[in-house]
Protein backbone atom coordinates (compact mmCIF):
# COMPACT_ATOMS: atom_id res chain seq x y z
CA UNK A 1 -10.26 18.02 22.47
CA UNK A 2 -11.13 20.82 20.07
CA UNK A 3 -8.81 21.69 17.22
CA UNK A 4 -7.53 25.27 17.17
CA UNK A 5 -8.12 26.82 13.74
CA UNK A 6 -8.18 30.54 12.97
CA UNK A 7 -10.38 31.94 10.21
CA UNK A 8 -10.58 35.25 8.36
CA UNK A 9 -13.92 36.97 7.79
CA UNK A 10 -14.10 39.77 5.23
CA UNK A 11 -16.77 42.37 5.96
CA UNK A 12 -19.31 42.72 3.09
CA UNK A 13 -18.31 39.33 1.65
CA UNK A 14 -19.73 35.82 1.95
CA UNK A 15 -17.81 33.28 4.00
CA UNK A 16 -17.94 29.54 3.30
CA UNK A 17 -15.57 26.94 4.71
CA UNK A 18 -15.83 23.17 4.27
CA UNK A 19 -14.40 20.52 6.58
CA UNK A 20 -14.10 16.74 6.72
CA UNK A 21 -14.20 15.02 10.09
CA UNK A 22 -11.78 12.14 10.60
CA UNK A 23 -10.78 10.22 13.71
CA UNK A 24 -7.46 8.38 13.60
CA UNK A 25 -7.45 8.91 9.82
CA UNK A 26 -10.89 7.32 9.34
CA UNK A 27 -13.83 9.39 8.06
CA UNK A 28 -16.54 9.80 10.72
CA UNK A 29 -20.06 9.01 9.47
CA UNK A 30 -22.19 12.01 10.48
CA UNK A 31 -25.57 10.39 9.80
CA UNK A 32 -28.11 11.80 12.31
CA UNK A 33 -25.56 14.27 13.70
CA UNK A 34 -25.96 18.03 13.67
CA UNK A 35 -23.41 20.81 13.61
CA UNK A 36 -23.65 24.38 14.92
CA UNK A 37 -21.31 27.28 15.52
CA UNK A 38 -21.17 30.93 16.44
CA UNK A 39 -18.89 33.96 16.64
CA UNK A 40 -18.60 36.50 19.45
CA UNK A 41 -16.64 39.74 19.66
CA UNK A 42 -15.07 38.29 22.83
CA UNK A 43 -15.77 35.49 25.29
CA UNK A 44 -17.71 37.77 27.62
CA UNK A 45 -20.01 39.18 24.90
CA UNK A 46 -23.69 38.51 25.58
CA UNK A 47 -24.63 38.29 21.90
CA UNK A 48 -23.33 36.05 19.15
CA UNK A 49 -23.64 35.60 15.41
CA UNK A 50 -24.51 32.04 14.43
CA UNK A 51 -22.97 30.35 11.43
CA UNK A 52 -25.26 28.64 8.97
CA UNK A 53 -23.84 25.14 9.50
CA UNK A 54 -24.76 22.10 7.42
CA UNK A 55 -23.70 18.51 7.08
CA UNK A 56 -23.13 18.26 3.34
CA UNK A 57 -22.23 14.55 3.12
CA UNK A 58 -22.95 12.50 6.22
CA UNK A 59 -21.18 9.34 5.01
CA UNK A 60 -18.29 11.46 3.73
CA UNK A 61 -17.92 13.23 7.09
CA UNK A 62 -18.33 16.60 5.35
CA UNK A 63 -19.83 19.75 6.83
CA UNK A 64 -19.59 23.45 6.15
CA UNK A 65 -20.08 26.80 7.84
CA UNK A 66 -21.34 29.94 6.14
CA UNK A 67 -21.99 33.64 6.72
CA UNK A 68 -23.73 35.86 4.18
CA UNK A 69 -22.42 39.22 3.04
CA UNK A 70 -25.36 40.83 4.86
CA UNK A 71 -24.28 39.16 8.10
CA UNK A 72 -20.61 40.11 7.73
CA UNK A 73 -21.59 43.71 6.88
CA UNK A 74 -23.01 44.06 10.39
CA UNK A 75 -19.77 42.92 12.07
CA UNK A 76 -17.19 45.27 13.56
CA UNK A 77 -13.57 44.78 12.47
CA UNK A 78 -11.26 43.13 14.98
CA UNK A 79 -10.33 39.79 16.45
CA UNK A 80 -13.42 37.78 17.36
CA UNK A 81 -13.70 34.25 18.78
CA UNK A 82 -15.71 31.31 17.47
CA UNK A 83 -16.36 27.63 17.94
CA UNK A 84 -18.07 24.74 16.15
CA UNK A 85 -19.99 22.06 18.07
CA UNK A 86 -21.07 18.62 16.83
CA UNK A 87 -24.11 16.91 18.40
CA UNK A 88 -24.35 13.14 18.08
CA UNK A 89 -27.65 11.21 17.72
CA UNK A 90 -27.82 10.76 21.53
CA UNK A 91 -27.56 14.52 22.10
CA UNK A 92 -23.95 14.52 23.33
CA UNK A 93 -22.14 17.68 22.24
CA UNK A 94 -18.47 17.87 21.33
CA UNK A 95 -16.57 21.04 20.50
CA UNK A 96 -14.80 20.23 17.22
CA UNK A 97 -12.89 23.43 16.67
CA UNK A 98 -12.34 26.86 18.06
CA UNK A 99 -10.18 29.85 17.42
CA UNK A 100 -9.93 33.46 16.45
CA UNK A 101 -11.92 35.00 13.64
CA UNK A 102 -10.02 37.92 12.15
CA UNK A 103 -12.76 40.26 10.90
CA UNK A 104 -11.29 42.55 8.25
CA UNK A 105 -12.76 45.76 6.84
CA UNK A 106 -13.03 45.97 3.06
CA UNK A 107 -13.36 48.87 0.67
CA UNK A 108 -16.22 47.77 -1.59
CA UNK A 109 -19.68 47.62 0.02
């Protein structure tokens, strides 16, 4: 079951969020796993913006997601949707988290 977690994306700014995966309080070893994620303006949108997603410490269960300022500059303000999917070494995919991405307009380009 995916965790519901909302994020805020500021247009014209970098986004970086780090997470640690635990199951029943025990860190999950992410060796040979991969992580991916994307945002859409709504569930029916035909295009998406992928996160740059990396496992930063496999034995520590750590991964992060990122968007550059150039990427966020191309986004329209509003409430978007996103999810993050983990793929195990056998190719089985699990949705880790999902939620709204509140895309906020800034003043400084």
